[in-house]
Protein backbone atom coordinates (compact mmCIF):
# COMPACT_ATOMS: atom_id res chain seq x y z
CA MET A 1 -12.03 4.03 -42.57
CA THR A 2 -11.71 0.41 -44.05
CA GLY A 3 -13.25 -0.89 -40.74
CA ARG A 4 -10.40 -3.55 -40.40
CA ARG A 5 -10.09 -4.98 -36.85
CA VAL A 6 -6.75 -4.68 -35.08
CA VAL A 7 -5.22 -7.10 -32.77
CA ILE A 8 -2.20 -7.40 -30.46
CA THR A 9 0.05 -10.14 -31.53
CA GLY A 10 3.28 -9.19 -29.73
CA ILE A 11 4.19 -7.50 -26.46
CA GLY A 12 7.68 -6.47 -25.45
CA LEU A 13 8.19 -5.01 -21.99
CA VAL A 14 11.42 -3.81 -20.30
CA THR A 15 10.99 -2.74 -16.75
CA ALA A 16 12.87 -2.68 -13.42
CA LEU A 17 10.72 -5.95 -12.69
CA GLY A 18 12.21 -7.72 -15.66
CA GLU A 19 13.13 -7.95 -19.26
CA GLY A 20 10.29 -9.39 -21.05
CA ALA A 21 6.58 -9.42 -20.93
CA ARG A 22 6.50 -12.77 -18.89
CA GLU A 23 9.09 -11.59 -16.55
CA THR A 24 7.33 -8.36 -15.87
CA TRP A 25 3.85 -9.81 -15.83
CA ASP A 26 4.92 -12.78 -13.35
CA ALA A 27 6.39 -10.20 -10.94
CA LEU A 28 3.32 -8.09 -11.04
CA VAL A 29 0.95 -10.81 -10.30
CA ALA A 30 3.36 -12.14 -7.55
CA GLY A 31 3.14 -8.55 -5.95
CA ARG A 32 6.79 -7.88 -6.25
CA THR A 33 7.93 -4.21 -6.52
CA ALA A 34 11.00 -2.61 -8.00
CA ILE A 35 10.81 0.72 -6.26
CA GLY A 36 13.77 1.55 -3.92
CA PRO A 37 16.50 4.19 -3.11
CA LEU A 38 18.20 5.58 -6.34
CA ARG A 39 21.66 4.43 -6.76
CA ALA A 40 23.00 5.48 -10.07
CA TYR A 41 23.92 9.03 -8.60
CA ASP A 42 23.66 10.89 -5.35
CA PRO A 43 20.07 11.95 -5.12
CA ALA A 44 20.62 13.98 -1.96
CA PRO A 45 19.51 17.34 -3.38
CA LEU A 46 16.22 16.06 -4.60
CA ARG A 47 13.02 15.81 -2.46
CA THR A 48 12.22 12.52 -3.91
CA ARG A 49 15.10 10.00 -3.71
CA LEU A 50 13.21 6.99 -4.80
CA GLY A 51 12.76 5.25 -8.06
CA ALA A 52 12.56 2.11 -10.06
CA GLU A 53 15.84 1.86 -11.90
CA ILE A 54 17.07 -0.95 -14.28
CA PRO A 55 20.87 -1.27 -13.15
CA ASP A 56 21.72 -4.25 -15.12
CA PHE A 57 20.43 -3.63 -18.77
CA ASP A 58 22.82 -4.66 -21.51
CA PRO A 59 22.03 -2.72 -24.65
CA GLY A 60 24.72 -4.81 -26.48
CA LYS A 61 22.18 -7.62 -26.85
CA TYR A 62 20.00 -5.30 -29.12
CA LEU A 63 22.11 -2.76 -30.60
CA SER A 64 25.56 -2.46 -32.52
CA LEU A 65 28.28 -0.52 -30.82
CA ARG A 66 27.81 2.37 -33.30
CA SER A 67 24.13 2.54 -32.42
CA MET A 68 24.86 2.40 -28.83
CA ARG A 69 27.08 5.54 -29.25
CA THR A 70 24.14 7.58 -30.83
CA SER A 71 21.39 6.63 -28.70
CA THR A 72 20.22 7.44 -25.05
CA ARG A 73 19.41 4.83 -22.49
CA GLY A 74 15.73 5.39 -23.11
CA ASP A 75 16.07 4.89 -26.92
CA GLN A 76 17.90 1.53 -26.03
CA TYR A 77 14.97 0.43 -23.90
CA GLY A 78 12.78 1.16 -26.76
CA VAL A 79 14.85 -0.97 -29.13
CA ALA A 80 14.90 -3.79 -26.71
CA ALA A 81 11.14 -3.82 -26.26
CA ALA A 82 10.62 -3.54 -29.92
CA THR A 83 12.87 -6.46 -30.51
CA LEU A 84 11.16 -8.61 -27.78
CA ALA A 85 7.72 -7.65 -29.21
CA LEU A 86 8.54 -8.67 -32.67
CA ARG A 87 10.14 -11.89 -31.40
CA ASP A 88 6.96 -12.46 -29.30
CA ALA A 89 4.79 -12.02 -32.47
CA GLY A 90 6.82 -14.58 -34.48
CA LEU A 91 7.73 -11.88 -36.93
CA GLU A 92 11.13 -11.71 -38.81
CA ARG A 93 12.59 -8.73 -40.73
CA SER A 94 11.51 -10.47 -44.00
CA ASP A 95 8.01 -10.25 -42.82
CA LEU A 96 8.16 -6.62 -42.39
CA GLY A 97 8.78 -3.75 -44.77
CA HIS A 98 6.67 -0.87 -46.44
CA ARG A 99 3.48 -2.27 -45.10
CA THR A 100 4.71 -2.02 -41.33
CA GLY A 101 4.26 1.24 -39.37
CA LEU A 102 6.39 2.51 -36.48
CA TYR A 103 4.68 4.88 -33.82
CA LEU A 104 6.40 5.68 -30.79
CA GLY A 105 6.19 8.11 -27.85
CA GLY A 106 8.47 9.33 -25.12
CA ASN A 107 9.60 11.98 -22.86
CA LYS A 108 13.25 12.46 -24.22
CA ASP A 109 14.50 16.05 -24.58
CA ILE A 110 18.43 15.77 -24.31
CA CYS A 111 21.12 13.63 -25.29
CA GLN A 112 23.30 11.69 -22.72
CA ARG A 113 25.67 14.26 -21.35
CA ASP A 114 27.42 12.50 -18.53
CA ASP A 115 30.83 12.73 -20.04
CA SER A 116 30.39 16.38 -21.13
CA ILE A 117 29.37 17.35 -17.61
CA ALA A 118 32.44 15.94 -16.38
CA ASP A 119 34.58 17.56 -19.07
CA MET A 120 33.01 21.03 -18.26
CA GLU A 121 35.40 21.41 -15.41
CA ALA A 122 37.96 22.32 -18.06
CA ILE A 123 36.23 25.62 -19.00
CA ARG A 124 36.36 27.06 -15.51
CA GLY A 125 38.40 30.20 -15.09
CA ALA A 126 40.78 30.97 -12.19
CA ASP A 127 37.70 32.35 -10.27
CA GLY A 128 35.68 29.23 -10.84
CA GLU A 129 33.28 30.83 -13.28
CA PRO A 130 32.63 29.53 -16.71
CA ASP A 131 35.12 31.03 -19.22
CA MET A 132 33.44 31.40 -22.61
CA ARG A 133 36.84 31.77 -24.39
CA LYS A 134 37.86 28.47 -23.16
CA LEU A 135 34.52 27.02 -24.11
CA GLY A 136 35.08 28.23 -27.68
CA GLU A 137 38.64 26.72 -27.67
CA LEU A 138 37.65 23.29 -26.11
CA ALA A 139 33.99 22.73 -27.40
CA ARG A 140 35.01 20.33 -30.17
CA SER A 141 36.66 18.08 -27.67
CA ILE A 142 33.93 18.48 -25.08
CA VAL A 143 30.87 18.23 -27.24
CA PRO A 144 30.75 14.95 -29.37
CA PRO A 145 29.95 15.62 -32.94
CA LEU A 146 26.87 13.32 -32.86
CA ALA A 147 25.37 14.96 -29.69
CA TYR A 148 22.74 16.68 -31.71
CA VAL A 149 21.64 13.35 -33.55
CA GLU A 150 21.80 11.52 -30.23
CA GLY A 151 19.65 13.97 -28.58
CA LEU A 152 16.84 14.06 -31.20
CA GLN A 153 13.65 13.21 -29.67
CA ASN A 154 12.65 10.64 -32.44
CA GLY A 155 15.98 8.91 -32.40
CA GLY A 156 14.47 5.67 -31.39
CA THR A 157 12.23 5.66 -34.52
CA TYR A 158 15.55 5.58 -36.60
CA HIS A 159 17.17 2.76 -34.57
CA ILE A 160 14.10 0.55 -34.66
CA SER A 161 13.25 1.17 -38.31
CA SER A 162 16.73 0.59 -39.58
CA LEU A 163 17.20 -2.56 -37.48
CA PHE A 164 13.92 -4.23 -38.82
CA GLY A 165 13.65 -2.43 -42.03
CA LEU A 166 10.27 -0.77 -41.34
CA ARG A 167 9.43 1.39 -44.11
CA GLY A 168 5.76 2.26 -43.61
CA PRO A 169 4.01 5.18 -41.87
CA ASN A 170 5.63 6.45 -38.82
CA ALA A 171 5.31 9.13 -36.14
CA PHE A 172 6.83 10.10 -32.78
CA TYR A 173 4.77 11.83 -29.99
CA ALA A 174 6.43 13.64 -27.22
CA GLY A 175 4.97 14.01 -23.88
CA ALA A 176 4.34 11.88 -20.61
CA ALA A 177 2.13 8.89 -20.23
CA ASP A 178 -0.16 10.17 -22.82
CA SER A 179 2.61 9.94 -25.59
CA GLY A 180 3.02 6.12 -25.64
CA ALA A 181 -0.65 5.45 -25.58
CA THR A 182 -1.42 8.10 -28.49
CA ALA A 183 1.26 6.16 -30.37
CA ILE A 184 -0.67 3.03 -29.97
CA GLY A 185 -4.07 4.59 -30.88
CA ARG A 186 -2.56 6.22 -33.93
CA ALA A 187 -1.09 2.88 -34.97
CA MET A 188 -4.52 1.21 -34.74
CA ARG A 189 -6.07 3.84 -36.89
CA ALA A 190 -3.22 3.50 -39.57
CA ILE A 191 -4.15 -0.28 -39.85
CA ARG A 192 -7.88 0.34 -39.69
CA ARG A 193 -7.57 2.73 -42.71
CA GLY A 194 -5.37 0.24 -44.63
CA GLU A 195 -2.24 2.45 -44.54
CA ALA A 196 -0.34 -0.42 -42.93
CA ASP A 197 -0.94 -4.16 -42.15
CA ILE A 198 1.42 -4.40 -39.08
CA ALA A 199 2.53 -1.76 -36.68
CA VAL A 200 5.20 -1.60 -33.93
CA ALA A 201 3.89 0.99 -31.39
CA GLY A 202 4.38 2.07 -27.78
CA GLY A 203 6.59 4.16 -25.50
CA TYR A 204 9.79 4.39 -23.30
CA ASP A 205 11.67 6.50 -21.04
CA ASP A 206 14.80 6.55 -18.78
CA ALA A 207 13.15 8.89 -16.45
CA THR A 208 15.05 8.17 -13.28
CA ASN A 209 18.13 9.89 -14.82
CA TRP A 210 19.32 13.09 -13.02
CA TRP A 211 18.08 15.44 -15.76
CA ALA A 212 14.49 14.11 -15.74
CA MET A 213 14.27 13.51 -11.97
CA ALA A 214 15.49 17.10 -11.24
CA LYS A 215 12.68 18.51 -13.50
CA LEU A 216 9.75 16.36 -12.21
CA ASP A 217 11.03 16.86 -8.50
CA GLY A 218 10.67 20.62 -8.97
CA LEU A 219 7.13 20.32 -10.17
CA GLY A 220 5.84 18.92 -6.94
CA VAL A 221 4.23 15.68 -8.42
CA LEU A 222 6.58 13.09 -6.93
CA SER A 223 6.16 11.67 -3.52
CA PRO A 224 8.56 13.10 -0.87
CA ARG A 225 8.01 10.24 1.56
CA ASN A 226 11.35 8.56 1.18
CA ASP A 227 10.95 7.07 4.70
CA LEU A 228 8.18 4.77 3.27
CA ASP A 229 10.73 3.26 0.68
CA THR A 230 8.70 0.66 -1.39
CA LYS A 231 5.47 1.82 0.11
CA ALA A 232 5.83 5.57 -1.03
CA PHE A 233 3.61 5.27 -4.13
CA ARG A 234 -0.05 4.84 -2.96
CA PRO A 235 -2.70 5.44 -5.76
CA PHE A 236 -6.17 6.18 -4.64
CA ASP A 237 -4.98 5.75 -0.91
CA ARG A 238 -5.68 8.24 1.91
CA GLU A 239 -1.80 8.63 2.32
CA HIS A 240 -1.34 9.36 -1.37
CA SER A 241 1.62 11.78 -1.84
CA GLY A 242 2.90 11.62 -5.34
CA SER A 243 4.47 9.42 -7.82
CA VAL A 244 7.58 7.63 -7.96
CA ILE A 245 9.49 7.37 -11.36
CA GLY A 246 10.64 4.28 -13.00
CA ASP A 247 12.73 3.30 -16.25
CA GLY A 248 11.49 1.13 -19.09
CA ALA A 249 9.62 0.53 -22.25
CA ALA A 250 6.29 -1.00 -23.43
CA ILE A 251 6.00 -1.91 -27.25
CA LEU A 252 3.35 -3.82 -28.82
CA VAL A 253 2.88 -5.43 -32.30
CA LEU A 254 -0.49 -4.47 -33.73
CA GLU A 255 -1.74 -6.41 -36.83
CA ASP A 256 -4.77 -6.71 -39.00
CA ARG A 257 -6.91 -9.50 -37.63
CA GLU A 258 -7.36 -11.47 -40.80
CA ARG A 259 -3.69 -11.52 -41.47
CA ALA A 260 -2.98 -12.51 -37.83
CA VAL A 261 -5.52 -15.28 -37.98
CA GLY A 262 -4.10 -16.39 -41.33
CA ARG A 263 -0.62 -16.74 -40.15
CA GLY A 264 -1.77 -18.61 -37.00
CA ALA A 265 -0.38 -15.93 -34.58
CA HIS A 266 -1.33 -15.91 -30.92
CA ILE A 267 -3.74 -13.02 -30.23
CA TYR A 268 -3.68 -11.45 -26.86
CA ALA A 269 -6.62 -9.06 -27.40
CA GLU A 270 -8.20 -6.84 -29.74
CA LEU A 271 -7.61 -3.03 -29.71
CA ALA A 272 -11.14 -1.73 -30.18
CA GLY A 273 -11.29 1.81 -29.44
CA TYR A 274 -9.13 4.93 -29.03
CA GLY A 275 -10.18 8.40 -27.54
CA MET A 276 -8.40 11.60 -26.38
CA GLY A 277 -9.27 14.70 -24.43
CA ASN A 278 -7.52 17.67 -22.66
CA ASP A 279 -8.25 19.20 -19.24
CA CYS A 280 -7.12 22.69 -20.68
CA VAL A 281 -6.05 23.94 -17.14
CA ARG A 282 -2.76 25.37 -16.10
CA PRO A 283 -0.10 22.51 -15.91
CA PRO A 284 0.75 20.37 -13.96
CA ALA A 285 -2.60 20.37 -12.26
CA SER A 286 -5.66 18.39 -13.56
CA ASP A 287 -9.17 19.62 -14.07
CA PRO A 288 -10.90 18.77 -10.82
CA GLU A 289 -13.57 17.05 -12.64
CA GLY A 290 -11.20 15.23 -15.09
CA ARG A 291 -12.97 16.47 -18.13
CA GLY A 292 -10.36 15.72 -20.54
CA LEU A 293 -10.11 12.11 -19.38
CA ALA A 294 -13.91 11.71 -19.22
CA ARG A 295 -14.00 12.75 -22.96
CA ALA A 296 -11.13 10.26 -23.78
CA ILE A 297 -12.86 7.40 -22.13
CA SER A 298 -16.30 8.18 -23.76
CA ALA A 299 -14.65 8.39 -27.09
CA ALA A 300 -12.69 5.26 -26.69
CA LEU A 301 -15.81 3.37 -25.75
CA SER A 302 -17.85 4.82 -28.57
CA ASP A 303 -15.11 3.93 -30.91
CA ALA A 304 -15.09 0.36 -29.84
CA GLY A 305 -18.81 0.19 -30.46
CA ALA A 306 -21.55 -2.08 -29.20
CA THR A 307 -20.35 -5.33 -30.79
CA ALA A 308 -16.72 -4.96 -29.18
CA LEU A 309 -18.26 -4.16 -25.79
CA SER A 310 -20.52 -7.15 -25.93
CA ASN A 311 -17.67 -9.08 -24.50
CA SER A 312 -18.15 -7.36 -21.20
CA ARG A 313 -19.78 -9.19 -18.31
CA THR A 314 -21.54 -5.81 -17.70
CA ALA A 315 -22.59 -2.97 -19.70
CA GLY A 316 -19.00 -1.18 -19.33
CA PRO A 317 -15.44 -2.24 -18.96
CA ASP A 318 -14.68 -5.15 -16.64
CA CYS A 319 -11.37 -3.73 -15.59
CA VAL A 320 -9.57 -0.43 -15.83
CA PHE A 321 -5.74 -0.06 -15.88
CA SER A 322 -5.80 3.32 -14.37
CA HIS A 323 -3.40 6.21 -14.61
CA GLY A 324 -3.19 6.29 -10.70
CA CYS A 325 -0.57 8.99 -10.22
CA ALA A 326 -1.20 9.07 -6.41
CA THR A 327 -1.53 12.91 -6.16
CA ALA A 328 -4.66 13.92 -4.31
CA LEU A 329 -5.92 15.99 -7.29
CA GLY A 330 -4.98 13.45 -9.98
CA ASP A 331 -6.60 10.56 -8.24
CA THR A 332 -9.83 12.37 -7.22
CA SER A 333 -10.22 13.91 -10.75
CA GLU A 334 -9.51 10.39 -12.48
CA VAL A 335 -12.29 8.87 -10.46
CA ARG A 336 -14.70 11.82 -11.25
CA ALA A 337 -13.83 11.27 -14.88
CA LEU A 338 -14.58 7.52 -14.79
CA ARG A 339 -18.01 8.31 -12.95
CA THR A 340 -18.83 10.79 -15.61
CA ALA A 341 -17.95 8.63 -18.52
CA LEU A 342 -19.26 5.18 -17.19
CA GLY A 343 -22.04 6.18 -14.76
CA ALA A 344 -23.32 3.30 -12.72
CA GLU A 345 -20.99 1.00 -14.38
CA THR A 346 -18.06 2.46 -12.62
CA ALA A 347 -18.80 0.44 -9.45
CA ARG A 348 -18.65 -2.73 -11.45
CA ALA A 349 -15.19 -2.35 -12.95
CA ALA A 350 -11.98 -3.76 -11.26
CA VAL A 351 -9.56 -0.84 -11.00
CA THR A 352 -5.86 -1.33 -10.63
CA SER A 353 -2.58 0.61 -10.90
CA VAL A 354 0.78 -1.08 -11.49
CA LYS A 355 2.93 1.92 -10.87
CA PRO A 356 3.65 1.17 -7.23
CA GLN A 357 5.51 -1.89 -8.65
CA THR A 358 7.02 -0.70 -11.93
CA GLY A 359 7.24 3.13 -10.98
CA HIS A 360 5.72 5.73 -13.20
CA LEU A 361 7.44 5.09 -16.71
CA VAL A 362 6.53 8.65 -17.90
CA GLY A 363 6.51 8.22 -21.59
CA GLY A 364 6.17 4.61 -21.30
CA ALA A 365 3.39 4.61 -18.69
CA GLY A 366 0.44 4.65 -21.01
CA ALA A 367 1.81 1.95 -23.40
CA LEU A 368 2.57 -0.20 -20.31
CA ASN A 369 -1.24 -0.03 -19.12
CA ALA A 370 -2.14 -1.08 -22.73
CA ALA A 371 0.24 -3.88 -22.63
CA LEU A 372 -0.77 -5.04 -19.32
CA ALA A 373 -4.59 -4.72 -20.17
CA ALA A 374 -3.95 -7.13 -23.17
CA LEU A 375 -2.06 -9.59 -20.71
CA ALA A 376 -4.95 -9.37 -18.41
CA LEU A 377 -7.54 -10.23 -21.03
CA ASP A 378 -5.51 -13.12 -22.23
CA SER A 379 -4.88 -14.56 -18.77
CA GLY A 380 -8.00 -13.59 -16.95
CA VAL A 381 -6.03 -12.01 -14.12
CA VAL A 382 -5.95 -8.41 -13.03
CA PRO A 383 -2.86 -7.43 -10.87
CA ALA A 384 -3.52 -5.80 -7.54
CA THR A 385 -2.79 -2.17 -6.54
CA ALA A 386 0.04 -2.38 -4.17
CA ASN A 387 0.13 -0.10 -0.99
CA HIS A 388 -3.60 0.67 -1.13
CA GLU A 389 -5.04 0.38 2.35
CA THR A 390 -7.46 3.13 3.09
CA PRO A 391 -9.46 4.71 0.18
CA ALA A 392 -9.01 8.45 -0.16
CA PRO A 393 -12.00 10.72 -0.05
CA GLU A 394 -14.12 10.07 -3.15
CA CYS A 395 -11.93 7.10 -4.32
CA ASP A 396 -14.20 4.32 -3.16
CA LEU A 397 -13.96 2.20 -6.32
CA ASP A 398 -13.62 -1.49 -6.62
CA ILE A 399 -9.77 -1.26 -6.20
CA VAL A 400 -8.03 -4.74 -6.62
CA THR A 401 -6.03 -4.98 -3.61
CA GLY A 402 -3.98 -7.64 -1.72
CA ALA A 403 -3.47 -10.14 -4.31
CA ALA A 404 -4.18 -10.47 -8.00
CA ARG A 405 -7.88 -11.26 -8.96
CA HIS A 406 -8.94 -13.94 -11.28
CA ALA A 407 -11.60 -11.83 -12.87
CA ARG A 408 -11.84 -13.22 -16.53
CA PRO A 409 -12.33 -9.71 -17.89
CA GLY A 410 -13.87 -9.37 -21.40
CA VAL A 411 -13.21 -5.65 -21.97
CA ALA A 412 -10.51 -3.43 -20.46
CA LEU A 413 -9.76 0.17 -20.35
CA ALA A 414 -6.02 1.48 -20.33
CA LEU A 415 -5.86 5.01 -19.40
CA ALA A 416 -3.03 7.74 -19.79
CA ARG A 417 -2.61 11.31 -18.66
CA GLY A 418 -0.05 14.04 -19.49
CA LEU A 419 1.44 16.67 -17.44
CA GLU A 420 -0.39 19.46 -19.42
CA GLY A 421 -3.92 18.18 -19.54
CA GLN A 422 -3.61 15.44 -22.14
CA ALA A 423 -5.71 12.28 -21.55
CA VAL A 424 -5.88 9.13 -23.66
CA ALA A 425 -8.02 5.97 -23.32
CA LEU A 426 -7.60 2.81 -25.17
CA ALA A 427 -10.44 0.06 -25.13
CA LEU A 428 -9.26 -3.50 -25.50
CA THR A 429 -11.61 -6.55 -25.64
CA GLN A 430 -11.06 -10.40 -25.87
CA SER A 431 -10.54 -11.41 -29.53
CA ASN A 432 -13.16 -13.65 -31.04
């Protein structure tokens, strides 16, 4: 380890609340929510028919027509967020190159097959059953030749790296909220070690599409309370019943601090610590004590060190951007993990979850928490947790409710958990 300090100089957000970091942040602070009935398709067969869709996104502002034909909606969100982050950091293609890394995370596992699904009617036999002979005869016209390339999980790394000429270390992490947070943590380590001077890192997902929704709906982790509409997502609340999914991307520009200061860049926050853990229980359940998350939090704070944590008003983090998935086991185990890792300091931290406003971005959720933690440190404001009215048993933390809180935090934690026990924590501090 070279011990280089890593700072955040660019933030790119694409959510159902807005396109751009400022648009999303202002909407969060104002208390607006993007959750509502799904409209892109008929969700009647699903138990959960709510989501935070982005209906008016124009990928043509960021990608060529050729690239649009070989990318999924999620990839396109990622490219857009990366473009916005680099623009926010004041970096041009000429500033990048072999010393710039690219680390991404997401939950992509299939290409866009809307057209093919419609064309599949052509292979039905007279009895209505699939005719494999017809499939063999018509497959070349039904399955596009680039379907495999479009469906590759790490497709976004190609589109972003080729667009901006990023030729440094790179990786793609597959998973849920943990994936984008892991990408940011690994990018931080690459800069610390001297493998890169700049890194573009984060996560993205188009999780409200039919394929993703059908899978998650069957797992029982989503809220069936369609009757509550915008109030269905209730983290840490007595009426919590599960998550509501949202679309979007959160990409950060990380930079060696000396380089950022030397070019006069605006520094949102310092990324000081990164930790991981695993519950090691049968998915999609969490360990009741949140042992994986507790380990991740402890490791992130240890990685940050005493010097970084000296920015805190207390002996621990001033605010926590929680995973807040709004399931009974998920919420209580997260609270127990915080208490295990932070002890008495748990009561002094302002805790929030933005998911009731943006939806759960799945592959982009952990990265979104990191981005918003940086914005909170930069602005001194912690957004509220919408729909939180009566704490669930054991969830009596200092939940920020009602309106955004002007708290002037010095240290923030951004948390993320996966569906198979993965847990990630990122520690951020004010830059000095």
